[in-house]
Structures are given as structure tokens and as C-alpha cells.
Amino acid sequence: ESAETLTGDQEGDWKEGWFVIGYEDLGGDPILVDLNAPELPVFTAAHGEGAWSPIMIASSFEGFVKALEEVARLSTGRQNPVQLQRNPVSDIERERVLNRIAEHNPNAELGFWESWFAV
């Protein structure tokens, strides 16, 4: 008995080299690394849409780690709602972090990272 493959080469298919490393908390969308590309770019893709249309959120796995480090640094002293209310993220801090993420991730979609700062 042969197993049915869940991957394909057509537009909208899940690609064989995509490896899920996590998921986005708000919508549960997968965060995946493309193992077919030498720089290991990181993507997210909306699930339940009938086709996969990945959006690059980091140009490389290294850039993804750098972006997470930037978010972690900004989160220090803001780990819960009370701390965040006492020490809100300023527009200047937000822009600085997004600029650093962009420096490490050319051509990546910053909307993913910007959404983390939405109130």
C-alpha cells in the first residue's frame, strides 16, 4: 500500500522542504523554515485558506534568531500587562527594533513583526 504525499510542486501546495518550527499565537499559523534554500529563510503562512501562500518573515534562520533577540530585549521589564502598562513601548523604541529586524532580514515582510506591537 503506498502512502499519499501531502506535498506538491504546484502553486499553493505545501513544499517538501518546509519544516515547521513553531506557530503564531494569535491565529495558529505555522512558522516554517525552507530547508531547500541555503540561507534557511523563515516564513509564516495562513492555514485554512485552501492553498499555502507563505510570507517571508526572516531572510535567514540567523536573521530570525536576531529578530527574536530584538523582541526579547524590548520585552525586558514588560513581561506582563501590569509591567507593560507601567513601561509602554514608545514609538521610538518600536521603530528602532523594527529597523534592527529589517537590517538582519532584507526583503522580509515586517508586518509580521509590527503586529507584535499592536495594542
C-alpha atoms as a PDB file:
ATOM      1  CA  GLU A   1       0.000   0.000   0.000  1.00  0.00           C
ATOM      2  CA  SER A   2       1.506   3.351  -0.986  1.00  0.00           C
ATOM      3  CA  ALA A   3       1.286   6.415   1.203  1.00  0.00           C
ATOM      4  CA  GLU A   4      -0.249   9.573  -0.218  1.00  0.00           C
ATOM      5  CA  THR A   5       2.118  12.540  -0.231  1.00  0.00           C
ATOM      6  CA  LEU A   6       0.926  15.772   1.322  1.00  0.00           C
ATOM      7  CA  THR A   7       3.458  17.896  -0.572  1.00  0.00           C
ATOM      8  CA  GLY A   8       3.452  19.118  -4.137  1.00  0.00           C
ATOM      9  CA  ASP A   9       5.135  21.348  -6.704  1.00  0.00           C
ATOM     10  CA  GLN A  10       2.074  23.353  -7.756  1.00  0.00           C
ATOM     11  CA  GLU A  11       1.328  26.923  -6.642  1.00  0.00           C
ATOM     12  CA  GLY A  12      -0.303  26.775  -3.209  1.00  0.00           C
ATOM     13  CA  ASP A  13       0.996  23.289  -2.363  1.00  0.00           C
ATOM     14  CA  TRP A  14       2.966  22.568   0.786  1.00  0.00           C
ATOM     15  CA  LYS A  15       6.597  22.139  -0.340  1.00  0.00           C
ATOM     16  CA  GLU A  16       8.675  19.143   0.670  1.00  0.00           C
ATOM     17  CA  GLY A  17      11.482  21.253   2.172  1.00  0.00           C
ATOM     18  CA  TRP A  18       9.237  23.246   4.513  1.00  0.00           C
ATOM     19  CA  PHE A  19       9.894  22.388   8.143  1.00  0.00           C
ATOM     20  CA  VAL A  20       7.600  23.768  10.847  1.00  0.00           C
ATOM     21  CA  ILE A  21       9.461  25.256  13.824  1.00  0.00           C
ATOM     22  CA  GLY A  22       6.511  26.836  15.633  1.00  0.00           C
ATOM     23  CA  TYR A  23       3.244  28.635  15.204  1.00  0.00           C
ATOM     24  CA  GLU A  24       1.947  32.156  15.551  1.00  0.00           C
ATOM     25  CA  ASP A  25      -0.088  32.547  18.750  1.00  0.00           C
ATOM     26  CA  LEU A  26      -2.967  34.700  17.512  1.00  0.00           C
ATOM     27  CA  GLY A  27      -4.098  32.653  14.523  1.00  0.00           C
ATOM     28  CA  GLY A  28      -2.146  29.425  14.934  1.00  0.00           C
ATOM     29  CA  ASP A  29      -0.425  29.875  11.568  1.00  0.00           C
ATOM     30  CA  PRO A  30       2.734  27.789  11.144  1.00  0.00           C
ATOM     31  CA  ILE A  31       6.200  29.317  11.240  1.00  0.00           C
ATOM     32  CA  LEU A  32       8.403  27.335   8.912  1.00  0.00           C
ATOM     33  CA  VAL A  33      11.953  27.147   7.589  1.00  0.00           C
ATOM     34  CA  ASP A  34      12.582  26.431   3.916  1.00  0.00           C
ATOM     35  CA  LEU A  35      15.254  23.716   4.032  1.00  0.00           C
ATOM     36  CA  ASN A  36      15.611  23.909   0.233  1.00  0.00           C
ATOM     37  CA  ALA A  37      17.295  27.339   0.413  1.00  0.00           C
ATOM     38  CA  PRO A  38      20.884  27.556   1.718  1.00  0.00           C
ATOM     39  CA  GLU A  39      20.179  30.619   3.892  1.00  0.00           C
ATOM     40  CA  LEU A  40      17.181  28.854   5.520  1.00  0.00           C
ATOM     41  CA  PRO A  41      14.603  31.664   5.219  1.00  0.00           C
ATOM     42  CA  VAL A  42      11.690  31.669   7.664  1.00  0.00           C
ATOM     43  CA  PHE A  43       8.055  32.075   6.616  1.00  0.00           C
ATOM     44  CA  THR A  44       4.573  32.093   8.015  1.00  0.00           C
ATOM     45  CA  ALA A  45       1.508  31.008   6.071  1.00  0.00           C
ATOM     46  CA  ALA A  46      -2.188  31.315   6.835  1.00  0.00           C
ATOM     47  CA  HIS A  47      -3.801  27.924   7.360  1.00  0.00           C
ATOM     48  CA  GLY A  48      -7.340  27.012   6.386  1.00  0.00           C
ATOM     49  CA  GLU A  49      -7.221  29.032   3.169  1.00  0.00           C
ATOM     50  CA  GLY A  50      -7.159  26.050   0.775  1.00  0.00           C
ATOM     51  CA  ALA A  51      -3.679  26.919  -0.508  1.00  0.00           C
ATOM     52  CA  TRP A  52      -0.393  27.827   1.138  1.00  0.00           C
ATOM     53  CA  SER A  53       0.909  31.339   0.370  1.00  0.00           C
ATOM     54  CA  PRO A  54       3.957  31.791   2.581  1.00  0.00           C
ATOM     55  CA  ILE A  55       5.173  35.227   3.645  1.00  0.00           C
ATOM     56  CA  MET A  56       8.888  35.612   4.393  1.00  0.00           C
ATOM     57  CA  ILE A  57       9.347  36.954   7.922  1.00  0.00           C
ATOM     58  CA  ALA A  58      13.132  36.420   8.058  1.00  0.00           C
ATOM     59  CA  SER A  59      15.672  36.233   5.243  1.00  0.00           C
ATOM     60  CA  SER A  60      17.607  33.517   7.052  1.00  0.00           C
ATOM     61  CA  PHE A  61      17.345  31.404  10.170  1.00  0.00           C
ATOM     62  CA  GLU A  62      20.122  33.520  11.667  1.00  0.00           C
ATOM     63  CA  GLY A  63      18.088  36.660  10.903  1.00  0.00           C
ATOM     64  CA  PHE A  64      15.058  35.062  12.577  1.00  0.00           C
ATOM     65  CA  VAL A  65      17.069  34.447  15.746  1.00  0.00           C
ATOM     66  CA  LYS A  66      18.361  38.052  15.642  1.00  0.00           C
ATOM     67  CA  ALA A  67      14.776  39.319  15.301  1.00  0.00           C
ATOM     68  CA  LEU A  68      13.667  37.262  18.291  1.00  0.00           C
ATOM     69  CA  GLU A  69      16.620  38.616  20.286  1.00  0.00           C
ATOM     70  CA  GLU A  70      15.493  42.173  19.470  1.00  0.00           C
ATOM     71  CA  VAL A  71      11.945  41.407  20.610  1.00  0.00           C
ATOM     72  CA  ALA A  72      13.245  39.740  23.786  1.00  0.00           C
ATOM     73  CA  ARG A  73      15.422  42.757  24.574  1.00  0.00           C
ATOM     74  CA  LEU A  74      12.444  45.106  24.123  1.00  0.00           C
ATOM     75  CA  SER A  75      10.287  42.839  26.308  1.00  0.00           C
ATOM     76  CA  THR A  76      12.580  43.079  29.322  1.00  0.00           C
ATOM     77  CA  GLY A  77      10.561  44.618  32.129  1.00  0.00           C
ATOM     78  CA  ARG A  78       7.373  44.222  30.091  1.00  0.00           C
ATOM     79  CA  GLN A  79       6.621  40.519  30.565  1.00  0.00           C
ATOM     80  CA  ASN A  80       3.057  41.013  31.785  1.00  0.00           C
ATOM     81  CA  PRO A  81       0.233  43.526  31.296  1.00  0.00           C
ATOM     82  CA  VAL A  82       0.966  45.413  34.537  1.00  0.00           C
ATOM     83  CA  GLN A  83       4.647  45.876  33.643  1.00  0.00           C
ATOM     84  CA  LEU A  84       3.728  46.868  30.087  1.00  0.00           C
ATOM     85  CA  GLN A  85       1.224  49.446  31.353  1.00  0.00           C
ATOM     86  CA  ARG A  86       3.892  50.930  33.638  1.00  0.00           C
ATOM     87  CA  ASN A  87       6.520  50.874  30.891  1.00  0.00           C
ATOM     88  CA  PRO A  88       4.799  51.027  27.477  1.00  0.00           C
ATOM     89  CA  VAL A  89       6.785  50.640  24.264  1.00  0.00           C
ATOM     90  CA  SER A  90       7.392  54.078  22.794  1.00  0.00           C
ATOM     91  CA  ASP A  91       7.123  54.773  19.079  1.00  0.00           C
ATOM     92  CA  ILE A  92      10.874  55.435  19.014  1.00  0.00           C
ATOM     93  CA  GLU A  93      11.673  52.071  20.652  1.00  0.00           C
ATOM     94  CA  ARG A  94       9.263  50.275  18.301  1.00  0.00           C
ATOM     95  CA  GLU A  95      10.821  51.877  15.202  1.00  0.00           C
ATOM     96  CA  ARG A  96      14.344  51.163  16.452  1.00  0.00           C
ATOM     97  CA  VAL A  97      13.559  47.466  16.953  1.00  0.00           C
ATOM     98  CA  LEU A  98      11.806  47.172  13.572  1.00  0.00           C
ATOM     99  CA  ASN A  99      14.796  48.842  11.883  1.00  0.00           C
ATOM    100  CA  ARG A 100      17.190  46.365  13.522  1.00  0.00           C
ATOM    101  CA  ILE A 101      14.988  43.459  12.463  1.00  0.00           C
ATOM    102  CA  ALA A 102      14.972  44.839   8.889  1.00  0.00           C
ATOM    103  CA  GLU A 103      18.778  45.191   8.911  1.00  0.00           C
ATOM    104  CA  HIS A 104      19.136  41.481   9.700  1.00  0.00           C
ATOM    105  CA  ASN A 105      16.337  40.460   7.312  1.00  0.00           C
ATOM    106  CA  PRO A 106      16.425  42.231   3.960  1.00  0.00           C
ATOM    107  CA  ASN A 107      13.317  41.548   1.828  1.00  0.00           C
ATOM    108  CA  ALA A 108      11.371  40.153   4.795  1.00  0.00           C
ATOM    109  CA  GLU A 109       7.808  41.290   5.488  1.00  0.00           C
ATOM    110  CA  LEU A 110       7.932  43.484   8.599  1.00  0.00           C
ATOM    111  CA  GLY A 111       4.156  43.388   9.047  1.00  0.00           C
ATOM    112  CA  PHE A 112       4.546  40.136  10.970  1.00  0.00           C
ATOM    113  CA  TRP A 113       6.869  41.812  13.472  1.00  0.00           C
ATOM    114  CA  GLU A 114       4.843  45.048  13.585  1.00  0.00           C
ATOM    115  CA  SER A 115       1.777  43.051  14.606  1.00  0.00           C
ATOM    116  CA  TRP A 116       3.563  42.089  17.822  1.00  0.00           C
ATOM    117  CA  PHE A 117       3.386  45.740  18.896  1.00  0.00           C
ATOM    118  CA  ALA A 118      -0.298  46.256  18.101  1.00  0.00           C
ATOM    119  CA  VAL A 119      -2.320  47.330  21.082  1.00  0.00           C
END
